[in-house]
Protein backbone atom coordinates (compact mmCIF):
# COMPACT_ATOMS: atom_id res chain seq x y z
CA MET A 1 2.10 7.73 2.17
CA LYS A 2 3.46 7.41 5.76
CA SER A 3 3.07 10.58 7.35
CA LEU A 4 6.36 12.96 7.88
CA ASP A 5 7.85 13.71 10.80
CA ARG A 6 9.72 16.72 11.89
CA ILE A 7 13.36 15.11 10.96
CA ASP A 8 11.40 14.37 7.24
CA GLU A 9 10.00 18.08 7.02
CA GLN A 10 13.69 19.49 8.03
CA LEU A 11 15.52 17.19 5.26
CA LEU A 12 12.86 18.01 2.54
CA ALA A 13 13.06 21.93 3.47
CA GLU A 14 17.34 21.63 3.03
CA LEU A 15 16.84 19.59 0.09
CA LYS A 16 14.63 22.49 -1.71
CA ALA A 17 17.01 25.12 -0.57
CA ASN A 18 20.00 22.72 -2.02
CA SER A 19 19.12 19.40 -3.54
CA ARG A 20 22.87 19.08 -4.13
CA ILE A 21 23.68 19.26 -0.57
CA SER A 22 25.83 16.40 0.59
CA HIS A 23 24.73 13.25 2.88
CA ALA A 24 27.48 14.55 5.52
CA ASP A 25 26.23 17.92 5.41
CA LEU A 26 22.53 17.13 5.94
CA SER A 27 23.26 14.82 8.80
CA SER A 28 25.31 17.93 10.64
CA LYS A 29 22.35 20.22 9.81
CA ILE A 30 20.19 17.64 10.90
CA ASN A 31 21.79 16.04 13.71
CA LEU A 32 21.35 12.19 11.95
CA SER A 33 24.21 9.79 10.89
CA ARG A 34 24.87 9.83 7.15
CA ASN A 35 23.37 6.65 6.71
CA ALA A 36 20.26 7.32 8.57
CA VAL A 37 19.88 10.49 6.37
CA ARG A 38 20.15 8.23 3.17
CA VAL A 39 17.84 5.99 4.27
CA ARG A 40 15.17 8.69 5.15
CA ILE A 41 15.79 10.28 1.73
CA GLU A 42 15.54 7.03 -0.14
CA ARG A 43 11.97 6.63 1.90
CA LEU A 44 10.76 9.88 0.92
CA GLU A 45 11.56 9.33 -2.92
CA ARG A 46 9.99 5.73 -2.65
CA ASP A 47 7.04 7.36 -0.81
CA GLY A 48 6.32 9.88 -3.40
CA TYR A 49 7.50 13.18 -1.21
CA ILE A 50 10.62 13.58 -3.48
CA LYS A 51 9.44 12.98 -6.89
CA GLY A 52 12.50 14.35 -8.77
CA TYR A 53 14.97 16.75 -9.04
CA THR A 54 15.74 19.55 -11.22
CA ILE A 55 18.54 21.77 -12.53
CA ILE A 56 18.38 25.66 -12.95
CA THR A 57 21.38 26.59 -15.51
CA GLY A 58 22.99 29.66 -15.99
CA ASP A 59 22.91 32.22 -13.14
CA GLY A 60 19.73 30.96 -11.71
CA GLU A 61 17.70 33.78 -13.49
CA VAL A 62 14.48 33.66 -15.65
CA ASN A 63 15.41 33.16 -19.34
CA GLN A 64 14.15 36.89 -20.54
CA ASN A 65 14.39 35.11 -23.83
CA LEU A 66 11.51 32.95 -23.30
CA THR A 67 7.90 33.99 -23.97
CA THR A 68 5.87 32.89 -21.56
CA ALA A 69 1.51 32.24 -21.88
CA LEU A 70 -0.95 30.95 -19.70
CA MET A 71 -3.72 29.17 -21.41
CA PHE A 72 -7.01 28.52 -19.77
CA VAL A 73 -8.84 25.68 -21.07
CA TYR A 74 -12.28 24.63 -21.22
CA ARG A 75 -12.90 20.77 -21.79
CA GLN A 76 -16.22 19.13 -23.26
CA ASP A 77 -16.61 17.17 -20.60
CA ARG A 78 -15.18 18.49 -17.11
CA MET A 79 -14.85 15.77 -15.35
CA ARG A 80 -13.14 13.50 -17.73
CA GLY A 81 -10.55 14.45 -20.49
CA GLY A 82 -7.61 12.31 -19.57
CA ASP A 83 -6.55 12.22 -23.19
CA VAL A 84 -6.53 16.22 -23.11
CA LEU A 85 -3.87 15.76 -19.99
CA ALA A 86 -1.99 13.21 -22.28
CA ALA A 87 -1.65 15.25 -25.05
CA LEU A 88 -0.64 18.11 -23.00
CA ARG A 89 2.24 16.23 -21.48
CA LYS A 90 4.05 15.57 -24.58
CA ILE A 91 3.98 19.26 -25.45
CA PRO A 92 7.70 19.85 -24.29
CA GLU A 93 7.24 23.85 -23.99
CA VAL A 94 4.29 23.23 -21.59
CA VAL A 95 5.85 23.53 -17.90
CA ALA A 96 2.54 23.49 -15.81
CA CYS A 97 -0.99 22.28 -16.10
CA ASP A 98 -3.04 22.62 -12.99
CA VAL A 99 -6.74 21.81 -12.87
CA MET A 100 -8.74 24.55 -11.88
CA THR A 101 -12.07 25.46 -10.64
CA GLY A 102 -14.41 27.83 -12.01
CA ASP A 103 -14.99 28.61 -15.32
CA PHE A 104 -12.11 27.01 -16.94
CA ASP A 105 -10.70 23.53 -16.43
CA LEU A 106 -7.25 23.97 -16.78
CA LEU A 107 -4.35 26.45 -16.21
CA VAL A 108 -1.85 25.55 -18.70
CA ARG A 109 1.61 27.37 -18.61
CA VAL A 110 3.58 27.39 -21.89
CA GLU A 111 7.21 28.91 -22.25
CA ALA A 112 8.62 29.26 -25.83
CA GLU A 113 11.14 30.87 -27.77
CA LYS A 114 8.76 32.53 -29.83
CA ALA A 115 5.12 33.85 -29.81
CA ASP A 116 4.74 32.23 -32.88
CA ARG A 117 5.39 28.60 -31.24
CA ILE A 118 2.57 29.68 -28.40
CA ARG A 119 0.35 30.11 -31.31
CA GLN A 120 0.96 27.11 -32.87
CA ILE A 121 0.84 25.21 -29.60
CA TRP A 122 -2.35 27.40 -28.78
CA GLN A 123 -4.01 25.86 -32.33
CA GLN A 124 -2.75 22.32 -31.35
CA ILE A 125 -4.65 22.76 -27.95
CA ALA A 126 -7.80 24.44 -29.44
CA GLU A 127 -7.83 21.77 -32.02
CA MET A 128 -7.69 18.80 -29.33
CA ALA A 129 -10.80 16.51 -29.30
CA GLY A 130 -12.49 17.29 -25.95
CA VAL A 131 -11.49 20.96 -25.80
CA ARG A 132 -14.20 23.40 -26.12
CA ASP A 133 -12.93 26.42 -25.34
CA THR A 134 -9.70 28.04 -25.03
CA LEU A 135 -8.41 32.20 -23.39
CA THR A 136 -5.00 33.00 -23.33
CA ALA A 137 -3.03 35.72 -21.90
CA PHE A 138 0.84 36.53 -22.32
CA ALA A 139 3.15 37.29 -19.51
CA LEU A 140 4.45 40.95 -19.56
CA SER A 141 7.33 40.07 -17.23
CA SER A 142 8.18 37.37 -14.60
CA VAL A 143 8.74 39.04 -11.16
CA ILE A 144 8.74 36.10 -8.73
CA ARG A 145 9.97 32.80 -9.86
CA LYS A 146 10.51 30.04 -7.22
């Protein structure tokens, strides 16, 4: 990957604030031509600095109807377990998965309409070959969400 320069960092900051900003508006903020902005964005996408864009529906507030759980997962073989990660990627309610240090290997964030669905997902994860143990905590509320 090519390293980022000051202009690339400015572009990324503007796109993080508003991914729908036009090339014309970006060009005036960054002081580049529209074509130069387009070329840089294409390069940032190609080089993996921009991996995608997202949509937040509604008023941008956290959906209060979702139940959120954090599942700490301990795998049998801490250095392997790609099959566990592949299986987690297939569960639509799994919205994040981080590899951790310490006692547990993975921190899995699950968001579902009902707590019973989270129980089903927990059971599915706990029964996966390669999973040794889990610990689940339900979020009471979400106060910061970016």
